[in-house]
Amino acid sequence: ELENFTIDPNTARCTLCNGFLQHAIKDSIKDKIPKKIFEFNKNFWQCIDCEQIYWEGTHIINLQEFVNRINEK
């Protein structure tokens, strides 16, 4: 899990339709995502237009680690 990471709902956009994202209540999306994703993540966001769901996946962690390594040099 990333420390100090959050999606800014004022600027975050859906990659499918470019709609704005809002924080999703975890229990409200339980049946819309894979069980393992639900169990291992606590923060979710949902597009207000197309309802696409996003979470803090390992790609975010890997990207943050990559940026940290670049900044160390």
C-alpha atoms as a PDB file:
ATOM      1  CA  GLU A   1       0.000   0.000   0.000  1.00  0.00           C
ATOM      2  CA  LEU A   2       1.257   3.456  -0.814  1.00  0.00           C
ATOM      3  CA  GLU A   3       1.754   6.013   1.882  1.00  0.00           C
ATOM      4  CA  ASN A   4       0.335   9.461   1.181  1.00  0.00           C
ATOM      5  CA  PHE A   5      -1.176   8.382  -2.126  1.00  0.00           C
ATOM      6  CA  THR A   6      -4.632   9.421  -3.138  1.00  0.00           C
ATOM      7  CA  ILE A   7      -6.479  10.219  -6.305  1.00  0.00           C
ATOM      8  CA  ASP A   8      -7.395  13.889  -6.466  1.00  0.00           C
ATOM      9  CA  PRO A   9     -11.075  13.985  -7.469  1.00  0.00           C
ATOM     10  CA  ASN A  10     -10.632  17.552  -8.738  1.00  0.00           C
ATOM     11  CA  THR A  11      -8.210  16.459 -11.436  1.00  0.00           C
ATOM     12  CA  ALA A  12      -8.464  12.663 -11.820  1.00  0.00           C
ATOM     13  CA  ARG A  13     -10.208  11.470 -14.961  1.00  0.00           C
ATOM     14  CA  CYS A  14     -11.475   8.139 -16.195  1.00  0.00           C
ATOM     15  CA  THR A  15      -9.212   6.524 -18.768  1.00  0.00           C
ATOM     16  CA  LEU A  16     -12.236   5.228 -20.671  1.00  0.00           C
ATOM     17  CA  CYS A  17     -14.542   8.239 -21.001  1.00  0.00           C
ATOM     18  CA  ASN A  18     -12.618  11.142 -19.392  1.00  0.00           C
ATOM     19  CA  GLY A  19     -15.309  11.549 -16.720  1.00  0.00           C
ATOM     20  CA  PHE A  20     -14.443  12.705 -13.212  1.00  0.00           C
ATOM     21  CA  LEU A  21     -13.686  10.146 -10.509  1.00  0.00           C
ATOM     22  CA  GLN A  22     -15.197  10.091  -7.059  1.00  0.00           C
ATOM     23  CA  HIS A  23     -14.333   8.021  -4.016  1.00  0.00           C
ATOM     24  CA  ALA A  24     -16.396   4.826  -3.998  1.00  0.00           C
ATOM     25  CA  ILE A  25     -17.762   3.257  -0.836  1.00  0.00           C
ATOM     26  CA  LYS A  26     -16.141  -0.161  -0.763  1.00  0.00           C
ATOM     27  CA  ASP A  27     -19.269  -2.146   0.097  1.00  0.00           C
ATOM     28  CA  SER A  28     -21.218  -0.520  -2.748  1.00  0.00           C
ATOM     29  CA  ILE A  29     -18.890  -1.980  -5.408  1.00  0.00           C
ATOM     30  CA  LYS A  30     -18.298  -5.415  -3.887  1.00  0.00           C
ATOM     31  CA  ASP A  31     -20.206  -7.253  -6.623  1.00  0.00           C
ATOM     32  CA  LYS A  32     -18.584  -5.257  -9.435  1.00  0.00           C
ATOM     33  CA  ILE A  33     -14.928  -6.225  -8.906  1.00  0.00           C
ATOM     34  CA  PRO A  34     -12.988  -9.486  -8.472  1.00  0.00           C
ATOM     35  CA  LYS A  35     -13.065 -10.907  -4.952  1.00  0.00           C
ATOM     36  CA  LYS A  36      -9.276 -10.744  -4.485  1.00  0.00           C
ATOM     37  CA  ILE A  37      -9.204  -7.087  -5.555  1.00  0.00           C
ATOM     38  CA  PHE A  38     -11.951  -6.352  -3.026  1.00  0.00           C
ATOM     39  CA  GLU A  39     -10.127  -8.214  -0.242  1.00  0.00           C
ATOM     40  CA  PHE A  40      -6.677  -6.709  -0.780  1.00  0.00           C
ATOM     41  CA  ASN A  41      -7.526  -3.059  -1.432  1.00  0.00           C
ATOM     42  CA  LYS A  42      -9.199  -0.459   0.710  1.00  0.00           C
ATOM     43  CA  ASN A  43      -9.471   2.608  -1.542  1.00  0.00           C
ATOM     44  CA  PHE A  44     -11.609   2.653  -4.652  1.00  0.00           C
ATOM     45  CA  TRP A  45     -12.759   5.353  -7.067  1.00  0.00           C
ATOM     46  CA  GLN A  46     -15.547   5.261  -9.608  1.00  0.00           C
ATOM     47  CA  CYS A  47     -16.224   7.313 -12.720  1.00  0.00           C
ATOM     48  CA  ILE A  48     -19.358   9.393 -12.289  1.00  0.00           C
ATOM     49  CA  ASP A  49     -20.212   8.933 -15.985  1.00  0.00           C
ATOM     50  CA  CYS A  50     -19.419   5.362 -17.080  1.00  0.00           C
ATOM     51  CA  GLU A  51     -19.034   3.840 -13.572  1.00  0.00           C
ATOM     52  CA  GLN A  52     -15.595   2.325 -14.300  1.00  0.00           C
ATOM     53  CA  ILE A  53     -13.927   1.367 -11.004  1.00  0.00           C
ATOM     54  CA  TYR A  54     -10.299   2.106 -10.111  1.00  0.00           C
ATOM     55  CA  TRP A  55      -8.108   1.044  -7.203  1.00  0.00           C
ATOM     56  CA  GLU A  56      -4.517   1.304  -6.016  1.00  0.00           C
ATOM     57  CA  GLY A  57      -3.055  -1.609  -7.929  1.00  0.00           C
ATOM     58  CA  THR A  58       0.519  -2.813  -7.953  1.00  0.00           C
ATOM     59  CA  HIS A  59       1.119  -0.676 -11.060  1.00  0.00           C
ATOM     60  CA  ILE A  60       0.787   2.431  -8.877  1.00  0.00           C
ATOM     61  CA  ILE A  61       3.229   1.050  -6.305  1.00  0.00           C
ATOM     62  CA  ASN A  62       5.718   0.083  -9.035  1.00  0.00           C
ATOM     63  CA  LEU A  63       5.428   3.515 -10.645  1.00  0.00           C
ATOM     64  CA  GLN A  64       5.999   5.279  -7.309  1.00  0.00           C
ATOM     65  CA  GLU A  65       9.073   3.125  -6.623  1.00  0.00           C
ATOM     66  CA  PHE A  66      10.402   3.931 -10.103  1.00  0.00           C
ATOM     67  CA  VAL A  67       9.929   7.671  -9.543  1.00  0.00           C
ATOM     68  CA  ASN A  68      11.602   7.429  -6.145  1.00  0.00           C
ATOM     69  CA  ARG A  69      14.626   5.696  -7.704  1.00  0.00           C
ATOM     70  CA  ILE A  70      14.917   8.399 -10.363  1.00  0.00           C
ATOM     71  CA  ASN A  71      14.697  11.150  -7.758  1.00  0.00           C
ATOM     72  CA  GLU A  72      17.493   9.555  -5.711  1.00  0.00           C
ATOM     73  CA  LYS A  73      20.003  10.008  -8.518  1.00  0.00           C
END
